[in-house]
């Protein structure tokens, strides 16, 4: 967390992914929010999904847009199905 005044990690279990689907994307080379950190957060969200994006870092949309779009479309499809 970048802001030390609030920590919402204990609230993750209260997210209703039937109302608000959660699909987390993390770049393989993101050192400030590693895939392991994202997965640990996702594990606290019942029904949440996490995907590590291979070959990408913290700014995937600018690093390699063509690769990022594939991950993004997968996330959108998951969210659309969950909301159906």
PDB file of N, CA and C in Angstrom:
ATOM      1  N   UNK A   1       0.835  -1.177   0.000  1.00  0.00           N
ATOM      2  CA  UNK A   1       0.000   0.000   0.000  1.00  0.00           C
ATOM      3  C   UNK A   1       0.880   1.241   0.000  1.00  0.00           C
ATOM      4  N   UNK A   2       0.517   2.200  -0.808  1.00  0.00           N
ATOM      5  CA  UNK A   2       1.288   3.430  -0.899  1.00  0.00           C
ATOM      6  C   UNK A   2       0.887   4.448   0.158  1.00  0.00           C
ATOM      7  N   UNK A   3      -0.315   4.311   0.683  1.00  0.00           N
ATOM      8  CA  UNK A   3      -0.818   5.261   1.666  1.00  0.00           C
ATOM      9  C   UNK A   3      -0.861   4.583   3.017  1.00  0.00           C
ATOM     10  N   UNK A   4      -0.073   5.055   3.952  1.00  0.00           N
ATOM     11  CA  UNK A   4       0.025   4.428   5.259  1.00  0.00           C
ATOM     12  C   UNK A   4      -1.111   4.740   6.208  1.00  0.00           C
ATOM     13  N   UNK A   5      -2.025   5.629   5.845  1.00  0.00           N
ATOM     14  CA  UNK A   5      -3.097   6.020   6.744  1.00  0.00           C
ATOM     15  C   UNK A   5      -4.306   5.108   6.715  1.00  0.00           C
ATOM     16  N   UNK A   6      -4.387   4.201   5.757  1.00  0.00           N
ATOM     17  CA  UNK A   6      -5.539   3.308   5.651  1.00  0.00           C
ATOM     18  C   UNK A   6      -5.098   1.968   5.085  1.00  0.00           C
ATOM     19  N   UNK A   7      -5.593   0.908   5.643  1.00  0.00           N
ATOM     20  CA  UNK A   7      -5.252  -0.439   5.188  1.00  0.00           C
ATOM     21  C   UNK A   7      -6.544  -1.239   5.106  1.00  0.00           C
ATOM     22  N   UNK A   8      -6.968  -1.544   3.893  1.00  0.00           N
ATOM     23  CA  UNK A   8      -8.239  -2.238   3.697  1.00  0.00           C
ATOM     24  C   UNK A   8      -8.130  -3.734   3.508  1.00  0.00           C
ATOM     25  N   UNK A   9      -6.944  -4.293   3.763  1.00  0.00           N
ATOM     26  CA  UNK A   9      -6.781  -5.730   3.508  1.00  0.00           C
ATOM     27  C   UNK A   9      -7.725  -6.601   4.325  1.00  0.00           C
ATOM     28  N   UNK A  10      -8.102  -6.147   5.511  1.00  0.00           N
ATOM     29  CA  UNK A  10      -9.011  -6.956   6.326  1.00  0.00           C
ATOM     30  C   UNK A  10     -10.447  -6.897   5.808  1.00  0.00           C
ATOM     31  N   UNK A  11     -10.736  -6.036   4.852  1.00  0.00           N
ATOM     32  CA  UNK A  11     -12.079  -5.914   4.275  1.00  0.00           C
ATOM     33  C   UNK A  11     -12.258  -6.740   3.000  1.00  0.00           C
ATOM     34  N   UNK A  12     -11.199  -7.297   2.489  1.00  0.00           N
ATOM     35  CA  UNK A  12     -11.259  -8.021   1.220  1.00  0.00           C
ATOM     36  C   UNK A  12     -12.291  -9.146   1.236  1.00  0.00           C
ATOM     37  N   UNK A  13     -12.411  -9.816   2.356  1.00  0.00           N
ATOM     38  CA  UNK A  13     -13.326 -10.951   2.467  1.00  0.00           C
ATOM     39  C   UNK A  13     -14.784 -10.530   2.312  1.00  0.00           C
ATOM     40  N   UNK A  14     -15.072  -9.238   2.439  1.00  0.00           N
ATOM     41  CA  UNK A  14     -16.443  -8.741   2.354  1.00  0.00           C
ATOM     42  C   UNK A  14     -16.869  -8.355   0.938  1.00  0.00           C
ATOM     43  N   UNK A  15     -15.963  -8.426  -0.010  1.00  0.00           N
ATOM     44  CA  UNK A  15     -16.317  -8.074  -1.392  1.00  0.00           C
ATOM     45  C   UNK A  15     -17.212  -9.168  -1.963  1.00  0.00           C
ATOM     46  N   UNK A  16     -18.365  -8.776  -2.455  1.00  0.00           N
ATOM     47  CA  UNK A  16     -19.307  -9.711  -3.061  1.00  0.00           C
ATOM     48  C   UNK A  16     -19.042  -9.743  -4.562  1.00  0.00           C
ATOM     49  N   UNK A  17     -18.324 -10.753  -5.007  1.00  0.00           N
ATOM     50  CA  UNK A  17     -17.937 -10.819  -6.417  1.00  0.00           C
ATOM     51  C   UNK A  17     -19.108 -11.183  -7.327  1.00  0.00           C
ATOM     52  N   UNK A  18     -20.258 -11.515  -6.757  1.00  0.00           N
ATOM     53  CA  UNK A  18     -21.454 -11.698  -7.580  1.00  0.00           C
ATOM     54  C   UNK A  18     -22.012 -10.333  -7.994  1.00  0.00           C
ATOM     55  N   UNK A  19     -21.811  -9.335  -7.152  1.00  0.00           N
ATOM     56  CA  UNK A  19     -22.239  -7.974  -7.458  1.00  0.00           C
ATOM     57  C   UNK A  19     -21.124  -7.162  -8.108  1.00  0.00           C
ATOM     58  N   UNK A  20     -19.907  -7.457  -7.730  1.00  0.00           N
ATOM     59  CA  UNK A  20     -18.744  -6.699  -8.209  1.00  0.00           C
ATOM     60  C   UNK A  20     -17.614  -7.682  -8.515  1.00  0.00           C
ATOM     61  N   UNK A  21     -17.594  -8.264  -9.726  1.00  0.00           N
ATOM     62  CA  UNK A  21     -16.556  -9.232 -10.063  1.00  0.00           C
ATOM     63  C   UNK A  21     -15.158  -8.622  -9.936  1.00  0.00           C
ATOM     64  N   UNK A  22     -14.222  -9.434  -9.479  1.00  0.00           N
ATOM     65  CA  UNK A  22     -12.840  -8.981  -9.302  1.00  0.00           C
ATOM     66  C   UNK A  22     -11.920  -9.856 -10.158  1.00  0.00           C
ATOM     67  N   UNK A  23     -11.157  -9.209 -11.031  1.00  0.00           N
ATOM     68  CA  UNK A  23     -10.175  -9.887 -11.876  1.00  0.00           C
ATOM     69  C   UNK A  23      -8.926  -9.022 -11.846  1.00  0.00           C
ATOM     70  N   UNK A  24      -7.921  -9.494 -11.160  1.00  0.00           N
ATOM     71  CA  UNK A  24      -6.695  -8.719 -10.959  1.00  0.00           C
ATOM     72  C   UNK A  24      -5.634  -9.128 -11.973  1.00  0.00           C
ATOM     73  N   UNK A  25      -4.995  -8.147 -12.580  1.00  0.00           N
ATOM     74  CA  UNK A  25      -3.895  -8.377 -13.509  1.00  0.00           C
ATOM     75  C   UNK A  25      -2.622  -7.789 -12.920  1.00  0.00           C
ATOM     76  N   UNK A  26      -1.553  -8.567 -12.931  1.00  0.00           N
ATOM     77  CA  UNK A  26      -0.273  -8.099 -12.412  1.00  0.00           C
ATOM     78  C   UNK A  26       0.834  -8.519 -13.364  1.00  0.00           C
ATOM     79  N   UNK A  27       1.702  -7.583 -13.696  1.00  0.00           N
ATOM     80  CA  UNK A  27       2.824  -7.895 -14.562  1.00  0.00           C
ATOM     81  C   UNK A  27       3.846  -8.780 -13.862  1.00  0.00           C
ATOM     82  N   UNK A  28       4.364  -9.724 -14.601  1.00  0.00           N
ATOM     83  CA  UNK A  28       5.383 -10.646 -14.081  1.00  0.00           C
ATOM     84  C   UNK A  28       6.571  -9.896 -13.479  1.00  0.00           C
ATOM     85  N   UNK A  29       6.930  -8.760 -14.070  1.00  0.00           N
ATOM     86  CA  UNK A  29       8.108  -8.017 -13.634  1.00  0.00           C
ATOM     87  C   UNK A  29       7.755  -6.774 -12.813  1.00  0.00           C
ATOM     88  N   UNK A  30       6.571  -6.739 -12.253  1.00  0.00           N
ATOM     89  CA  UNK A  30       6.164  -5.602 -11.420  1.00  0.00           C
ATOM     90  C   UNK A  30       6.775  -5.779 -10.039  1.00  0.00           C
ATOM     91  N   UNK A  31       7.763  -4.969  -9.712  1.00  0.00           N
ATOM     92  CA  UNK A  31       8.447  -5.117  -8.419  1.00  0.00           C
ATOM     93  C   UNK A  31       7.712  -4.397  -7.300  1.00  0.00           C
ATOM     94  N   UNK A  32       6.864  -3.417  -7.626  1.00  0.00           N
ATOM     95  CA  UNK A  32       6.164  -2.681  -6.571  1.00  0.00           C
ATOM     96  C   UNK A  32       4.877  -3.372  -6.132  1.00  0.00           C
ATOM     97  N   UNK A  33       4.337  -4.213  -6.987  1.00  0.00           N
ATOM     98  CA  UNK A  33       3.159  -5.013  -6.654  1.00  0.00           C
ATOM     99  C   UNK A  33       3.335  -6.346  -7.367  1.00  0.00           C
ATOM    100  N   UNK A  34       4.073  -7.219  -6.752  1.00  0.00           N
ATOM    101  CA  UNK A  34       4.454  -8.472  -7.388  1.00  0.00           C
ATOM    102  C   UNK A  34       3.247  -9.391  -7.596  1.00  0.00           C
ATOM    103  N   UNK A  35       3.351 -10.336  -8.521  1.00  0.00           N
ATOM    104  CA  UNK A  35       2.276 -11.307  -8.680  1.00  0.00           C
ATOM    105  C   UNK A  35       1.958 -12.045  -7.372  1.00  0.00           C
ATOM    106  N   UNK A  36       2.959 -12.323  -6.572  1.00  0.00           N
ATOM    107  CA  UNK A  36       2.712 -12.994  -5.292  1.00  0.00           C
ATOM    108  C   UNK A  36       1.899 -12.107  -4.355  1.00  0.00           C
ATOM    109  N   UNK A  37       2.185 -10.817  -4.348  1.00  0.00           N
ATOM    110  CA  UNK A  37       1.423  -9.888  -3.522  1.00  0.00           C
ATOM    111  C   UNK A  37      -0.029  -9.814  -3.996  1.00  0.00           C
ATOM    112  N   UNK A  38      -0.217  -9.734  -5.302  1.00  0.00           N
ATOM    113  CA  UNK A  38      -1.569  -9.678  -5.851  1.00  0.00           C
ATOM    114  C   UNK A  38      -2.330 -10.963  -5.572  1.00  0.00           C
ATOM    115  N   UNK A  39      -1.655 -12.091  -5.714  1.00  0.00           N
ATOM    116  CA  UNK A  39      -2.322 -13.369  -5.455  1.00  0.00           C
ATOM    117  C   UNK A  39      -2.730 -13.474  -3.987  1.00  0.00           C
ATOM    118  N   UNK A  40      -1.879 -12.999  -3.094  1.00  0.00           N
ATOM    119  CA  UNK A  40      -2.213 -13.021  -1.663  1.00  0.00           C
ATOM    120  C   UNK A  40      -3.456 -12.177  -1.384  1.00  0.00           C
ATOM    121  N   UNK A  41      -3.574 -11.039  -2.059  1.00  0.00           N
ATOM    122  CA  UNK A  41      -4.770 -10.211  -1.902  1.00  0.00           C
ATOM    123  C   UNK A  41      -5.972 -10.913  -2.498  1.00  0.00           C
ATOM    124  N   UNK A  42      -5.817 -11.454  -3.686  1.00  0.00           N
ATOM    125  CA  UNK A  42      -6.911 -12.147  -4.360  1.00  0.00           C
ATOM    126  C   UNK A  42      -7.417 -13.333  -3.541  1.00  0.00           C
ATOM    127  N   UNK A  43      -6.510 -14.018  -2.874  1.00  0.00           N
ATOM    128  CA  UNK A  43      -6.900 -15.165  -2.054  1.00  0.00           C
ATOM    129  C   UNK A  43      -7.839 -14.771  -0.919  1.00  0.00           C
ATOM    130  N   UNK A  44      -7.867 -13.496  -0.572  1.00  0.00           N
ATOM    131  CA  UNK A  44      -8.748 -13.006   0.488  1.00  0.00           C
ATOM    132  C   UNK A  44     -10.122 -12.608  -0.038  1.00  0.00           C
ATOM    133  N   UNK A  45     -10.300 -12.623  -1.356  1.00  0.00           N
ATOM    134  CA  UNK A  45     -11.555 -12.211  -1.977  1.00  0.00           C
ATOM    135  C   UNK A  45     -12.270 -13.455  -2.504  1.00  0.00           C
ATOM    136  N   UNK A  46     -13.325 -13.885  -1.838  1.00  0.00           N
ATOM    137  CA  UNK A  46     -14.053 -15.067  -2.317  1.00  0.00           C
ATOM    138  C   UNK A  46     -14.554 -14.854  -3.758  1.00  0.00           C
ATOM    139  N   UNK A  47     -14.152 -15.730  -4.657  1.00  0.00           N
ATOM    140  CA  UNK A  47     -14.567 -15.619  -6.054  1.00  0.00           C
ATOM    141  C   UNK A  47     -13.691 -14.705  -6.885  1.00  0.00           C
ATOM    142  N   UNK A  48     -12.668 -14.109  -6.287  1.00  0.00           N
ATOM    143  CA  UNK A  48     -11.767 -13.240  -7.032  1.00  0.00           C
ATOM    144  C   UNK A  48     -10.843 -14.057  -7.921  1.00  0.00           C
ATOM    145  N   UNK A  49     -10.348 -13.438  -8.979  1.00  0.00           N
ATOM    146  CA  UNK A  49      -9.428 -14.110  -9.900  1.00  0.00           C
ATOM    147  C   UNK A  49      -8.215 -13.217 -10.117  1.00  0.00           C
ATOM    148  N   UNK A  50      -7.058 -13.845 -10.184  1.00  0.00           N
ATOM    149  CA  UNK A  50      -5.805 -13.130 -10.447  1.00  0.00           C
ATOM    150  C   UNK A  50      -5.076 -13.804 -11.590  1.00  0.00           C
ATOM    151  N   UNK A  51      -4.478 -12.982 -12.445  1.00  0.00           N
ATOM    152  CA  UNK A  51      -3.672 -13.490 -13.556  1.00  0.00           C
ATOM    153  C   UNK A  51      -2.368 -12.718 -13.611  1.00  0.00           C
ATOM    154  N   UNK A  52      -1.262 -13.426 -13.536  1.00  0.00           N
ATOM    155  CA  UNK A  52       0.043 -12.802 -13.744  1.00  0.00           C
ATOM    156  C   UNK A  52       0.277 -12.710 -15.251  1.00  0.00           C
ATOM    157  N   UNK A  53       0.663 -11.527 -15.702  1.00  0.00           N
ATOM    158  CA  UNK A  53       0.877 -11.304 -17.130  1.00  0.00           C
ATOM    159  C   UNK A  53       2.351 -11.533 -17.457  1.00  0.00           C
ATOM    160  N   UNK A  54       2.619 -12.604 -18.160  1.00  0.00           N
ATOM    161  CA  UNK A  54       3.986 -12.997 -18.496  1.00  0.00           C
ATOM    162  C   UNK A  54       4.660 -11.966 -19.392  1.00  0.00           C
ATOM    163  N   UNK A  55       5.892 -11.632 -19.050  1.00  0.00           N
ATOM    164  CA  UNK A  55       6.698 -10.737 -19.867  1.00  0.00           C
ATOM    165  C   UNK A  55       6.366  -9.257 -19.721  1.00  0.00           C
ATOM    166  N   UNK A  56       5.490  -8.918 -18.774  1.00  0.00           N
ATOM    167  CA  UNK A  56       5.085  -7.526 -18.594  1.00  0.00           C
ATOM    168  C   UNK A  56       5.455  -7.036 -17.209  1.00  0.00           C
ATOM    169  N   UNK A  57       5.467  -5.722 -17.044  1.00  0.00           N
ATOM    170  CA  UNK A  57       5.810  -5.118 -15.761  1.00  0.00           C
ATOM    171  C   UNK A  57       4.660  -4.314 -15.189  1.00  0.00           C
ATOM    172  N   UNK A  58       4.986  -3.155 -14.614  1.00  0.00           N
ATOM    173  CA  UNK A  58       3.997  -2.335 -13.911  1.00  0.00           C
ATOM    174  C   UNK A  58       3.099  -1.521 -14.855  1.00  0.00           C
ATOM    175  N   UNK A  59       3.566  -1.238 -16.057  1.00  0.00           N
ATOM    176  CA  UNK A  59       2.794  -0.448 -17.022  1.00  0.00           C
ATOM    177  C   UNK A  59       2.571  -1.250 -18.304  1.00  0.00           C
ATOM    178  N   UNK A  60       1.839  -2.344 -18.234  1.00  0.00           N
ATOM    179  CA  UNK A  60       1.721  -3.263 -19.369  1.00  0.00           C
ATOM    180  C   UNK A  60       1.099  -2.650 -20.616  1.00  0.00           C
ATOM    181  N   UNK A  61       0.177  -1.721 -20.456  1.00  0.00           N
ATOM    182  CA  UNK A  61      -0.492  -1.135 -21.620  1.00  0.00           C
ATOM    183  C   UNK A  61       0.467  -0.333 -22.492  1.00  0.00           C
ATOM    184  N   UNK A  62       1.522   0.203 -21.894  1.00  0.00           N
ATOM    185  CA  UNK A  62       2.505   0.957 -22.675  1.00  0.00           C
ATOM    186  C   UNK A  62       3.749   0.125 -22.995  1.00  0.00           C
ATOM    187  N   UNK A  63       4.030  -0.870 -22.178  1.00  0.00           N
ATOM    188  CA  UNK A  63       5.203  -1.718 -22.411  1.00  0.00           C
ATOM    189  C   UNK A  63       5.020  -2.589 -23.651  1.00  0.00           C
ATOM    190  N   UNK A  64       3.865  -3.220 -23.737  1.00  0.00           N
ATOM    191  CA  UNK A  64       3.589  -4.108 -24.860  1.00  0.00           C
ATOM    192  C   UNK A  64       2.073  -4.191 -25.043  1.00  0.00           C
ATOM    193  N   UNK A  65       1.495  -3.188 -25.706  1.00  0.00           N
ATOM    194  CA  UNK A  65       0.038  -3.136 -25.842  1.00  0.00           C
ATOM    195  C   UNK A  65      -0.580  -4.384 -26.459  1.00  0.00           C
ATOM    196  N   UNK A  66       0.062  -4.963 -27.451  1.00  0.00           N
ATOM    197  CA  UNK A  66      -0.509  -6.133 -28.115  1.00  0.00           C
ATOM    198  C   UNK A  66      -0.645  -7.314 -27.159  1.00  0.00           C
ATOM    199  N   UNK A  67       0.337  -7.521 -26.322  1.00  0.00           N
ATOM    200  CA  UNK A  67       0.272  -8.609 -25.344  1.00  0.00           C
ATOM    201  C   UNK A  67      -0.744  -8.275 -24.255  1.00  0.00           C
ATOM    202  N   UNK A  68      -0.726  -7.026 -23.804  1.00  0.00           N
ATOM    203  CA  UNK A  68      -1.647  -6.611 -22.741  1.00  0.00           C
ATOM    204  C   UNK A  68      -3.107  -6.779 -23.144  1.00  0.00           C
ATOM    205  N   UNK A  69      -3.443  -6.438 -24.382  1.00  0.00           N
ATOM    206  CA  UNK A  69      -4.831  -6.516 -24.827  1.00  0.00           C
ATOM    207  C   UNK A  69      -5.396  -7.927 -24.662  1.00  0.00           C
ATOM    208  N   UNK A  70      -4.607  -8.926 -24.912  1.00  0.00           N
ATOM    209  CA  UNK A  70      -5.070 -10.304 -24.725  1.00  0.00           C
ATOM    210  C   UNK A  70      -5.480 -10.571 -23.287  1.00  0.00           C
ATOM    211  N   UNK A  71      -4.670 -10.126 -22.351  1.00  0.00           N
ATOM    212  CA  UNK A  71      -5.006 -10.284 -20.928  1.00  0.00           C
ATOM    213  C   UNK A  71      -6.236  -9.457 -20.557  1.00  0.00           C
ATOM    214  N   UNK A  72      -6.303  -8.250 -21.089  1.00  0.00           N
ATOM    215  CA  UNK A  72      -7.430  -7.369 -20.786  1.00  0.00           C
ATOM    216  C   UNK A  72      -8.744  -7.958 -21.297  1.00  0.00           C
ATOM    217  N   UNK A  73      -8.735  -8.479 -22.509  1.00  0.00           N
ATOM    218  CA  UNK A  73      -9.948  -9.076 -23.068  1.00  0.00           C
ATOM    219  C   UNK A  73     -10.400 -10.287 -22.258  1.00  0.00           C
ATOM    220  N   UNK A  74      -9.452 -11.065 -21.773  1.00  0.00           N
ATOM    221  CA  UNK A  74      -9.783 -12.208 -20.910  1.00  0.00           C
ATOM    222  C   UNK A  74     -10.451 -11.724 -19.621  1.00  0.00           C
ATOM    223  N   UNK A  75      -9.935 -10.647 -19.052  1.00  0.00           N
ATOM    224  CA  UNK A  75     -10.515 -10.090 -17.833  1.00  0.00           C
ATOM    225  C   UNK A  75     -11.925  -9.563 -18.089  1.00  0.00           C
ATOM    226  N   UNK A  76     -12.111  -8.854 -19.186  1.00  0.00           N
ATOM    227  CA  UNK A  76     -13.428  -8.308 -19.527  1.00  0.00           C
ATOM    228  C   UNK A  76     -14.424  -9.450 -19.728  1.00  0.00           C
ATOM    229  N   UNK A  77     -14.014 -10.494 -20.424  1.00  0.00           N
ATOM    230  CA  UNK A  77     -14.894 -11.640 -20.654  1.00  0.00           C
ATOM    231  C   UNK A  77     -15.304 -12.269 -19.325  1.00  0.00           C
ATOM    232  N   UNK A  78     -14.370 -12.425 -18.416  1.00  0.00           N
ATOM    233  CA  UNK A  78     -14.675 -12.985 -17.087  1.00  0.00           C
ATOM    234  C   UNK A  78     -15.700 -12.115 -16.374  1.00  0.00           C
ATOM    235  N   UNK A  79     -15.493 -10.812 -16.386  1.00  0.00           N
ATOM    236  CA  UNK A  79     -16.392  -9.882 -15.699  1.00  0.00           C
ATOM    237  C   UNK A  79     -17.773  -9.913 -16.334  1.00  0.00           C
ATOM    238  N   UNK A  80     -17.835  -9.958 -17.661  1.00  0.00           N
ATOM    239  CA  UNK A  80     -19.123 -10.009 -18.326  1.00  0.00           C
ATOM    240  C   UNK A  80     -19.886 -11.285 -17.977  1.00  0.00           C
ATOM    241  N   UNK A  81     -19.195 -12.413 -17.967  1.00  0.00           N
ATOM    242  CA  UNK A  81     -19.855 -13.683 -17.612  1.00  0.00           C
ATOM    243  C   UNK A  81     -20.317 -13.690 -16.170  1.00  0.00           C
ATOM    244  N   UNK A  82     -19.506 -13.120 -15.293  1.00  0.00           N
ATOM    245  CA  UNK A  82     -19.860 -13.095 -13.870  1.00  0.00           C
ATOM    246  C   UNK A  82     -21.071 -12.215 -13.619  1.00  0.00           C
ATOM    247  N   UNK A  83     -21.234 -11.180 -14.433  1.00  0.00           N
ATOM    248  CA  UNK A  83     -22.356 -10.261 -14.257  1.00  0.00           C
ATOM    249  C   UNK A  83     -23.624 -10.708 -14.957  1.00  0.00           C
ATOM    250  N   UNK A  84     -23.528 -11.781 -15.729  1.00  0.00           N
ATOM    251  CA  UNK A  84     -24.691 -12.251 -16.513  1.00  0.00           C
ATOM    252  C   UNK A  84     -25.748 -12.904 -15.639  1.00  0.00           C
TER     253      UNK A  84
END
